């Protein structure tokens, strides 16, 4: 069985040189991205090193409270990040995003840990935290895309929606097409990724396990489970945030409240 190759500070320094390629292209073509690339690389490195240190401490404790606390923090940051990627805001948008990402990730990760993988104990950080992290990252994308599409649609299709409402349509009859399009937008990236997975790309979970010495067949099975988790969480998250936005922007008296939308 292949052993894991250790990566030390020297190897990290060599890997950091690769980002110079991006910066060189930016400087050569005057894209104005060199500073942002350097800052992003620095932030990513610091954040990952800090997370690695925190996770080592949590793994050593082997207690549900710090594990759940870490999961809640990750979900909260994902919910906030999803909103920050949108161009519009409305009252309660952060709650809608937080609730959607937390509900979707909790349901899917909980079902996988207790029902599919049957981890004992269920709060084992080695399994729960990485699985939750992968689910959250993709649920965040689905939520932000669906939410942004719905809010933009409310403004661009305002005349069509208000005409339908004026003619006696209910709020659902007037806006169901927009809900449908928003959900489709939120789910398309995951579907596209699944279409080429294994042929064009080798996913991170599978690659990481193979590099760590796992048998390719075992890594493939884990990746299939993770992919189905990601697809489910993206769909649930997009559905939840779109429905909450729908009820916020369409009143119970079947009126459109487009004026509640503000620029970010």
C-alpha atoms as a PDB file:
ATOM      1  CA  UNK A   1       0.000   0.000   0.000  1.00  0.00           C
ATOM      2  CA  UNK A   2       1.365   3.423  -0.947  1.00  0.00           C
ATOM      3  CA  UNK A   3       2.250   5.645   2.007  1.00  0.00           C
ATOM      4  CA  UNK A   4       1.284   9.296   2.230  1.00  0.00           C
ATOM      5  CA  UNK A   5       4.060  11.662   1.187  1.00  0.00           C
ATOM      6  CA  UNK A   6       4.624  14.358   3.777  1.00  0.00           C
ATOM      7  CA  UNK A   7       4.448  17.982   2.637  1.00  0.00           C
ATOM      8  CA  UNK A   8       6.596  20.356   4.650  1.00  0.00           C
ATOM      9  CA  UNK A   9       7.210  24.117   4.566  1.00  0.00           C
ATOM     10  CA  UNK A  10       9.723  23.762   1.712  1.00  0.00           C
ATOM     11  CA  UNK A  11       7.238  21.870  -0.468  1.00  0.00           C
ATOM     12  CA  UNK A  12       4.543  24.434   0.314  1.00  0.00           C
ATOM     13  CA  UNK A  13       6.939  27.177  -0.738  1.00  0.00           C
ATOM     14  CA  UNK A  14       7.577  25.457  -4.056  1.00  0.00           C
ATOM     15  CA  UNK A  15       3.825  25.044  -4.619  1.00  0.00           C
ATOM     16  CA  UNK A  16       3.328  28.736  -3.902  1.00  0.00           C
ATOM     17  CA  UNK A  17       5.551  29.527  -6.876  1.00  0.00           C
ATOM     18  CA  UNK A  18       2.813  28.152  -9.120  1.00  0.00           C
ATOM     19  CA  UNK A  19       0.610  31.140  -8.293  1.00  0.00           C
ATOM     20  CA  UNK A  20       3.268  33.326  -9.917  1.00  0.00           C
ATOM     21  CA  UNK A  21       2.063  31.958 -13.268  1.00  0.00           C
ATOM     22  CA  UNK A  22      -1.355  33.488 -12.649  1.00  0.00           C
ATOM     23  CA  UNK A  23       0.171  36.746 -11.492  1.00  0.00           C
ATOM     24  CA  UNK A  24       2.485  36.846 -14.497  1.00  0.00           C
ATOM     25  CA  UNK A  25      -0.449  36.470 -16.910  1.00  0.00           C
ATOM     26  CA  UNK A  26      -2.310  39.216 -15.053  1.00  0.00           C
ATOM     27  CA  UNK A  27       0.643  41.609 -15.199  1.00  0.00           C
ATOM     28  CA  UNK A  28       1.426  40.799 -18.840  1.00  0.00           C
ATOM     29  CA  UNK A  29      -2.161  41.350 -20.015  1.00  0.00           C
ATOM     30  CA  UNK A  30      -2.817  44.150 -17.504  1.00  0.00           C
ATOM     31  CA  UNK A  31      -5.796  42.378 -16.009  1.00  0.00           C
ATOM     32  CA  UNK A  32      -5.376  44.105 -12.668  1.00  0.00           C
ATOM     33  CA  UNK A  33      -5.703  40.822 -10.767  1.00  0.00           C
ATOM     34  CA  UNK A  34      -2.168  40.335  -9.460  1.00  0.00           C
ATOM     35  CA  UNK A  35      -2.857  41.945  -6.088  1.00  0.00           C
ATOM     36  CA  UNK A  36      -6.133  40.070  -5.664  1.00  0.00           C
ATOM     37  CA  UNK A  37      -4.433  36.783  -6.561  1.00  0.00           C
ATOM     38  CA  UNK A  38      -1.693  37.349  -4.011  1.00  0.00           C
ATOM     39  CA  UNK A  39      -4.213  38.319  -1.336  1.00  0.00           C
ATOM     40  CA  UNK A  40      -6.468  35.352  -2.127  1.00  0.00           C
ATOM     41  CA  UNK A  41      -3.528  32.942  -1.991  1.00  0.00           C
ATOM     42  CA  UNK A  42      -2.376  34.362   1.331  1.00  0.00           C
ATOM     43  CA  UNK A  43      -5.858  34.257   2.848  1.00  0.00           C
ATOM     44  CA  UNK A  44      -6.443  30.719   1.648  1.00  0.00           C
ATOM     45  CA  UNK A  45      -3.143  29.513   3.086  1.00  0.00           C
ATOM     46  CA  UNK A  46      -3.664  31.168   6.466  1.00  0.00           C
ATOM     47  CA  UNK A  47      -7.277  29.990   6.714  1.00  0.00           C
ATOM     48  CA  UNK A  48      -6.456  26.388   5.843  1.00  0.00           C
ATOM     49  CA  UNK A  49      -3.508  26.240   8.241  1.00  0.00           C
ATOM     50  CA  UNK A  50      -5.698  27.658  10.991  1.00  0.00           C
ATOM     51  CA  UNK A  51      -8.503  25.201  10.224  1.00  0.00           C
ATOM     52  CA  UNK A  52      -6.014  22.339  10.261  1.00  0.00           C
ATOM     53  CA  UNK A  53      -4.825  23.367  13.717  1.00  0.00           C
ATOM     54  CA  UNK A  54      -8.399  23.693  15.016  1.00  0.00           C
ATOM     55  CA  UNK A  55      -9.463  20.339  13.548  1.00  0.00           C
ATOM     56  CA  UNK A  56      -6.535  18.554  15.163  1.00  0.00           C
ATOM     57  CA  UNK A  57      -7.718  19.876  18.538  1.00  0.00           C
ATOM     58  CA  UNK A  58     -11.328  18.862  17.853  1.00  0.00           C
ATOM     59  CA  UNK A  59     -10.280  15.387  16.693  1.00  0.00           C
ATOM     60  CA  UNK A  60      -8.346  14.903  19.932  1.00  0.00           C
ATOM     61  CA  UNK A  61     -11.334  15.880  22.123  1.00  0.00           C
ATOM     62  CA  UNK A  62     -13.720  13.334  20.537  1.00  0.00           C
ATOM     63  CA  UNK A  63     -16.789  15.077  22.032  1.00  0.00           C
ATOM     64  CA  UNK A  64     -20.027  16.119  20.250  1.00  0.00           C
ATOM     65  CA  UNK A  65     -20.129  19.707  21.569  1.00  0.00           C
ATOM     66  CA  UNK A  66     -16.998  21.073  19.787  1.00  0.00           C
ATOM     67  CA  UNK A  67     -17.842  19.057  16.672  1.00  0.00           C
ATOM     68  CA  UNK A  68     -21.366  20.481  16.481  1.00  0.00           C
ATOM     69  CA  UNK A  69     -20.029  23.947  17.318  1.00  0.00           C
ATOM     70  CA  UNK A  70     -17.579  23.753  14.437  1.00  0.00           C
ATOM     71  CA  UNK A  71     -20.333  22.547  12.132  1.00  0.00           C
ATOM     72  CA  UNK A  72     -22.628  25.403  13.165  1.00  0.00           C
ATOM     73  CA  UNK A  73     -19.858  27.936  12.572  1.00  0.00           C
ATOM     74  CA  UNK A  74     -19.166  26.504   9.116  1.00  0.00           C
ATOM     75  CA  UNK A  75     -22.863  26.561   8.209  1.00  0.00           C
ATOM     76  CA  UNK A  76     -23.236  30.152   9.428  1.00  0.00           C
ATOM     77  CA  UNK A  77     -20.284  31.328   7.352  1.00  0.00           C
ATOM     78  CA  UNK A  78     -21.689  29.506   4.320  1.00  0.00           C
ATOM     79  CA  UNK A  79     -25.079  31.178   4.757  1.00  0.00           C
ATOM     80  CA  UNK A  80     -23.521  34.636   4.986  1.00  0.00           C
ATOM     81  CA  UNK A  81     -21.231  33.971   2.015  1.00  0.00           C
ATOM     82  CA  UNK A  82     -24.184  32.873  -0.128  1.00  0.00           C
ATOM     83  CA  UNK A  83     -25.915  36.227   0.437  1.00  0.00           C
ATOM     84  CA  UNK A  84     -22.755  38.213  -0.256  1.00  0.00           C
ATOM     85  CA  UNK A  85     -22.587  36.697  -3.731  1.00  0.00           C
ATOM     86  CA  UNK A  86     -25.981  38.134  -4.691  1.00  0.00           C
ATOM     87  CA  UNK A  87     -26.613  41.550  -6.188  1.00  0.00           C
ATOM     88  CA  UNK A  88     -29.818  42.327  -4.261  1.00  0.00           C
ATOM     89  CA  UNK A  89     -31.018  42.249  -0.671  1.00  0.00           C
ATOM     90  CA  UNK A  90     -34.349  42.109   1.136  1.00  0.00           C
ATOM     91  CA  UNK A  91     -35.278  42.129   4.804  1.00  0.00           C
ATOM     92  CA  UNK A  92     -34.621  38.702   6.261  1.00  0.00           C
ATOM     93  CA  UNK A  93     -32.383  37.499   3.427  1.00  0.00           C
ATOM     94  CA  UNK A  94     -29.617  36.413   5.810  1.00  0.00           C
ATOM     95  CA  UNK A  95     -32.058  34.378   7.887  1.00  0.00           C
ATOM     96  CA  UNK A  96     -33.439  32.742   4.748  1.00  0.00           C
ATOM     97  CA  UNK A  97     -29.955  31.795   3.588  1.00  0.00           C
ATOM     98  CA  UNK A  98     -28.787  30.596   7.016  1.00  0.00           C
ATOM     99  CA  UNK A  99     -31.897  28.505   7.571  1.00  0.00           C
ATOM    100  CA  UNK A 100     -31.720  26.947   4.106  1.00  0.00           C
ATOM    101  CA  UNK A 101     -28.046  26.031   4.234  1.00  0.00           C
ATOM    102  CA  UNK A 102     -28.286  24.745   7.800  1.00  0.00           C
ATOM    103  CA  UNK A 103     -31.404  22.657   7.153  1.00  0.00           C
ATOM    104  CA  UNK A 104     -30.133  21.184   3.889  1.00  0.00           C
ATOM    105  CA  UNK A 105     -26.644  20.363   5.147  1.00  0.00           C
ATOM    106  CA  UNK A 106     -27.894  18.949   8.469  1.00  0.00           C
ATOM    107  CA  UNK A 107     -30.466  16.675   6.861  1.00  0.00           C
ATOM    108  CA  UNK A 108     -28.147  15.340   4.170  1.00  0.00           C
ATOM    109  CA  UNK A 109     -25.025  14.959   6.324  1.00  0.00           C
ATOM    110  CA  UNK A 110     -27.009  13.461   9.187  1.00  0.00           C
ATOM    111  CA  UNK A 111     -28.633  10.913   6.887  1.00  0.00           C
ATOM    112  CA  UNK A 112     -25.267   9.963   5.374  1.00  0.00           C
ATOM    113  CA  UNK A 113     -23.420   9.645   8.677  1.00  0.00           C
ATOM    114  CA  UNK A 114     -26.105   7.699  10.531  1.00  0.00           C
ATOM    115  CA  UNK A 115     -27.887   5.846   7.734  1.00  0.00           C
ATOM    116  CA  UNK A 116     -25.381   5.242   4.925  1.00  0.00           C
ATOM    117  CA  UNK A 117     -21.912   5.188   6.468  1.00  0.00           C
ATOM    118  CA  UNK A 118     -23.196   4.256   9.956  1.00  0.00           C
ATOM    119  CA  UNK A 119     -20.355   6.058  11.719  1.00  0.00           C
ATOM    120  CA  UNK A 120     -19.896   5.118  15.389  1.00  0.00           C
ATOM    121  CA  UNK A 121     -20.162   7.385  17.245  1.00  0.00           C
ATOM    122  CA  UNK A 122     -22.066   9.646  14.882  1.00  0.00           C
ATOM    123  CA  UNK A 123     -20.144  12.761  15.977  1.00  0.00           C
ATOM    124  CA  UNK A 124     -16.746  11.363  14.929  1.00  0.00           C
ATOM    125  CA  UNK A 125     -15.050  14.512  13.627  1.00  0.00           C
ATOM    126  CA  UNK A 126     -12.908  12.609  11.127  1.00  0.00           C
ATOM    127  CA  UNK A 127     -16.054  11.865   9.121  1.00  0.00           C
ATOM    128  CA  UNK A 128     -18.581  14.521  10.106  1.00  0.00           C
ATOM    129  CA  UNK A 129     -16.519  17.680   9.558  1.00  0.00           C
ATOM    130  CA  UNK A 130     -15.064  16.833   6.102  1.00  0.00           C
ATOM    131  CA  UNK A 131     -18.411  15.551   4.829  1.00  0.00           C
ATOM    132  CA  UNK A 132     -20.204  18.635   6.126  1.00  0.00           C
ATOM    133  CA  UNK A 133     -17.573  20.911   4.587  1.00  0.00           C
ATOM    134  CA  UNK A 134     -18.006  19.436   1.116  1.00  0.00           C
ATOM    135  CA  UNK A 135     -21.790  19.573   1.386  1.00  0.00           C
ATOM    136  CA  UNK A 136     -21.763  23.181   2.593  1.00  0.00           C
ATOM    137  CA  UNK A 137     -19.482  24.396  -0.190  1.00  0.00           C
ATOM    138  CA  UNK A 138     -21.820  23.128  -2.878  1.00  0.00           C
ATOM    139  CA  UNK A 139     -25.048  24.020  -1.066  1.00  0.00           C
ATOM    140  CA  UNK A 140     -23.688  27.563  -0.799  1.00  0.00           C
ATOM    141  CA  UNK A 141     -23.295  27.759  -4.571  1.00  0.00           C
ATOM    142  CA  UNK A 142     -26.781  26.400  -5.237  1.00  0.00           C
ATOM    143  CA  UNK A 143     -28.376  28.775  -2.755  1.00  0.00           C
ATOM    144  CA  UNK A 144     -26.583  31.878  -4.037  1.00  0.00           C
ATOM    145  CA  UNK A 145     -27.373  31.084  -7.691  1.00  0.00           C
ATOM    146  CA  UNK A 146     -31.042  30.318  -7.041  1.00  0.00           C
ATOM    147  CA  UNK A 147     -31.508  33.325  -4.782  1.00  0.00           C
ATOM    148  CA  UNK A 148     -29.835  35.727  -7.184  1.00  0.00           C
ATOM    149  CA  UNK A 149     -31.848  34.356 -10.117  1.00  0.00           C
ATOM    150  CA  UNK A 150     -35.121  34.707  -8.224  1.00  0.00           C
ATOM    151  CA  UNK A 151     -34.513  38.301  -7.152  1.00  0.00           C
ATOM    152  CA  UNK A 152     -33.351  39.369 -10.593  1.00  0.00           C
ATOM    153  CA  UNK A 153     -36.367  37.645 -12.112  1.00  0.00           C
ATOM    154  CA  UNK A 154     -38.746  39.497  -9.817  1.00  0.00           C
ATOM    155  CA  UNK A 155     -37.436  42.789 -11.197  1.00  0.00           C
ATOM    156  CA  UNK A 156     -37.064  41.843 -14.854  1.00  0.00           C
ATOM    157  CA  UNK A 157     -40.436  40.044 -14.966  1.00  0.00           C
ATOM    158  CA  UNK A 158     -42.262  42.516 -12.746  1.00  0.00           C
ATOM    159  CA  UNK A 159     -44.729  43.647 -15.413  1.00  0.00           C
ATOM    160  CA  UNK A 160     -45.640  40.062 -16.323  1.00  0.00           C
ATOM    161  CA  UNK A 161     -46.113  39.076 -12.676  1.00  0.00           C
ATOM    162  CA  UNK A 162     -48.197  42.125 -11.761  1.00  0.00           C
ATOM    163  CA  UNK A 163     -50.353  41.694 -14.846  1.00  0.00           C
ATOM    164  CA  UNK A 164     -51.102  38.106 -13.832  1.00  0.00           C
ATOM    165  CA  UNK A 165     -51.929  39.194 -10.294  1.00  0.00           C
ATOM    166  CA  UNK A 166     -54.198  41.957 -11.585  1.00  0.00           C
ATOM    167  CA  UNK A 167     -56.087  39.437 -13.716  1.00  0.00           C
ATOM    168  CA  UNK A 168     -56.831  37.328 -10.646  1.00  0.00           C
ATOM    169  CA  UNK A 169     -53.917  34.892 -10.516  1.00  0.00           C
ATOM    170  CA  UNK A 170     -52.689  33.780  -7.129  1.00  0.00           C
ATOM    171  CA  UNK A 171     -49.135  34.615  -6.103  1.00  0.00           C
ATOM    172  CA  UNK A 172     -48.062  31.055  -6.887  1.00  0.00           C
ATOM    173  CA  UNK A 173     -49.738  31.073 -10.303  1.00  0.00           C
ATOM    174  CA  UNK A 174     -48.050  34.362 -11.130  1.00  0.00           C
ATOM    175  CA  UNK A 175     -44.563  33.398  -9.952  1.00  0.00           C
ATOM    176  CA  UNK A 176     -44.259  29.625 -10.267  1.00  0.00           C
ATOM    177  CA  UNK A 177     -42.277  29.975 -13.503  1.00  0.00           C
ATOM    178  CA  UNK A 178     -39.755  32.119 -11.655  1.00  0.00           C
ATOM    179  CA  UNK A 179     -39.438  29.604  -8.816  1.00  0.00           C
ATOM    180  CA  UNK A 180     -38.904  26.842 -11.370  1.00  0.00           C
ATOM    181  CA  UNK A 181     -36.212  28.789 -13.249  1.00  0.00           C
ATOM    182  CA  UNK A 182     -34.431  29.685 -10.015  1.00  0.00           C
ATOM    183  CA  UNK A 183     -34.304  26.067  -8.867  1.00  0.00           C
ATOM    184  CA  UNK A 184     -33.018  24.985 -12.264  1.00  0.00           C
ATOM    185  CA  UNK A 185     -30.276  27.617 -12.085  1.00  0.00           C
ATOM    186  CA  UNK A 186     -29.227  26.466  -8.626  1.00  0.00           C
ATOM    187  CA  UNK A 187     -29.039  22.795  -9.613  1.00  0.00           C
ATOM    188  CA  UNK A 188     -27.422  23.028 -13.056  1.00  0.00           C
ATOM    189  CA  UNK A 189     -23.768  23.303 -11.817  1.00  0.00           C
ATOM    190  CA  UNK A 190     -24.048  20.066  -9.827  1.00  0.00           C
ATOM    191  CA  UNK A 191     -25.695  18.244 -12.730  1.00  0.00           C
ATOM    192  CA  UNK A 192     -22.991  19.447 -15.138  1.00  0.00           C
ATOM    193  CA  UNK A 193     -20.297  18.301 -12.724  1.00  0.00           C
ATOM    194  CA  UNK A 194     -21.866  14.853 -12.385  1.00  0.00           C
ATOM    195  CA  UNK A 195     -22.045  14.481 -16.172  1.00  0.00           C
ATOM    196  CA  UNK A 196     -18.250  14.601 -16.621  1.00  0.00           C
ATOM    197  CA  UNK A 197     -17.114  13.194 -13.281  1.00  0.00           C
ATOM    198  CA  UNK A 198     -14.711  10.316 -13.797  1.00  0.00           C
ATOM    199  CA  UNK A 199     -14.235  10.998 -17.512  1.00  0.00           C
ATOM    200  CA  UNK A 200     -13.015  14.582 -17.549  1.00  0.00           C
ATOM    201  CA  UNK A 201     -12.338  15.250 -13.876  1.00  0.00           C
ATOM    202  CA  UNK A 202     -11.282  13.244 -10.828  1.00  0.00           C
ATOM    203  CA  UNK A 203     -13.075  14.789  -7.827  1.00  0.00           C
ATOM    204  CA  UNK A 204     -11.261  16.037  -4.743  1.00  0.00           C
ATOM    205  CA  UNK A 205     -12.617  13.423  -2.324  1.00  0.00           C
ATOM    206  CA  UNK A 206     -11.545  10.538  -4.562  1.00  0.00           C
ATOM    207  CA  UNK A 207      -8.177  12.073  -5.369  1.00  0.00           C
ATOM    208  CA  UNK A 208      -7.438  12.782  -1.729  1.00  0.00           C
ATOM    209  CA  UNK A 209      -8.178   9.212  -0.672  1.00  0.00           C
ATOM    210  CA  UNK A 210      -6.052   7.749  -3.458  1.00  0.00           C
ATOM    211  CA  UNK A 211      -3.133  10.028  -2.525  1.00  0.00           C
ATOM    212  CA  UNK A 212      -3.567   8.903   1.087  1.00  0.00           C
ATOM    213  CA  UNK A 213      -3.164   5.278   0.001  1.00  0.00           C
ATOM    214  CA  UNK A 214      -6.777   4.084  -0.258  1.00  0.00           C
ATOM    215  CA  UNK A 215      -7.684   1.518  -2.895  1.00  0.00           C
ATOM    216  CA  UNK A 216      -9.189   3.219  -5.995  1.00  0.00           C
ATOM    217  CA  UNK A 217     -12.353   1.090  -5.770  1.00  0.00           C
ATOM    218  CA  UNK A 218     -12.940   2.218  -2.169  1.00  0.00           C
ATOM    219  CA  UNK A 219     -12.252   5.847  -3.109  1.00  0.00           C
ATOM    220  CA  UNK A 220     -14.748   5.633  -5.964  1.00  0.00           C
ATOM    221  CA  UNK A 221     -17.516   4.359  -3.688  1.00  0.00           C
ATOM    222  CA  UNK A 222     -16.917   7.172  -1.212  1.00  0.00           C
ATOM    223  CA  UNK A 223     -16.973   9.702  -4.050  1.00  0.00           C
ATOM    224  CA  UNK A 224     -20.305   8.407  -5.323  1.00  0.00           C
ATOM    225  CA  UNK A 225     -21.814   8.809  -1.860  1.00  0.00           C
ATOM    226  CA  UNK A 226     -20.379  12.333  -1.563  1.00  0.00           C
ATOM    227  CA  UNK A 227     -21.657  13.340  -4.999  1.00  0.00           C
ATOM    228  CA  UNK A 228     -25.188  12.207  -4.201  1.00  0.00           C
ATOM    229  CA  UNK A 229     -24.978  14.123  -0.905  1.00  0.00           C
ATOM    230  CA  UNK A 230     -23.858  17.248  -2.743  1.00  0.00           C
ATOM    231  CA  UNK A 231     -26.655  16.968  -5.290  1.00  0.00           C
ATOM    232  CA  UNK A 232     -29.285  16.513  -2.577  1.00  0.00           C
ATOM    233  CA  UNK A 233     -28.022  19.390  -0.422  1.00  0.00           C
ATOM    234  CA  UNK A 234     -27.836  21.748  -3.411  1.00  0.00           C
ATOM    235  CA  UNK A 235     -31.414  20.918  -4.401  1.00  0.00           C
ATOM    236  CA  UNK A 236     -32.772  21.238  -0.847  1.00  0.00           C
ATOM    237  CA  UNK A 237     -30.874  24.463  -0.184  1.00  0.00           C
ATOM    238  CA  UNK A 238     -31.958  26.079  -3.460  1.00  0.00           C
ATOM    239  CA  UNK A 239     -35.550  25.007  -2.889  1.00  0.00           C
ATOM    240  CA  UNK A 240     -35.610  26.284   0.688  1.00  0.00           C
ATOM    241  CA  UNK A 241     -34.148  29.710  -0.002  1.00  0.00           C
ATOM    242  CA  UNK A 242     -36.314  30.234  -3.098  1.00  0.00           C
ATOM    243  CA  UNK A 243     -39.509  29.382  -1.223  1.00  0.00           C
ATOM    244  CA  UNK A 244     -38.576  31.682   1.678  1.00  0.00           C
ATOM    245  CA  UNK A 245     -37.785  34.500  -0.764  1.00  0.00           C
ATOM    246  CA  UNK A 246     -41.087  33.849  -2.526  1.00  0.00           C
ATOM    247  CA  UNK A 247     -43.091  34.228   0.683  1.00  0.00           C
ATOM    248  CA  UNK A 248     -41.143  37.357   1.576  1.00  0.00           C
ATOM    249  CA  UNK A 249     -41.596  39.128  -1.759  1.00  0.00           C
ATOM    250  CA  UNK A 250     -45.195  37.994  -2.374  1.00  0.00           C
ATOM    251  CA  UNK A 251     -47.702  38.857   0.356  1.00  0.00           C
ATOM    252  CA  UNK A 252     -50.531  36.631   1.595  1.00  0.00           C
ATOM    253  CA  UNK A 253     -52.943  38.986  -0.177  1.00  0.00           C
ATOM    254  CA  UNK A 254     -51.254  38.067  -3.492  1.00  0.00           C
ATOM    255  CA  UNK A 255     -49.352  41.291  -3.994  1.00  0.00           C
ATOM    256  CA  UNK A 256     -45.815  41.668  -5.272  1.00  0.00           C
ATOM    257  CA  UNK A 257     -43.514  43.536  -2.901  1.00  0.00           C
ATOM    258  CA  UNK A 258     -40.715  44.297  -5.352  1.00  0.00           C
ATOM    259  CA  UNK A 259     -39.894  47.549  -3.561  1.00  0.00           C
ATOM    260  CA  UNK A 260     -38.373  45.497  -0.740  1.00  0.00           C
ATOM    261  CA  UNK A 261     -35.473  44.566  -3.014  1.00  0.00           C
ATOM    262  CA  UNK A 262     -32.451  46.806  -2.558  1.00  0.00           C
ATOM    263  CA  UNK A 263     -29.079  46.851  -4.270  1.00  0.00           C
ATOM    264  CA  UNK A 264     -26.285  45.222  -2.315  1.00  0.00           C
END
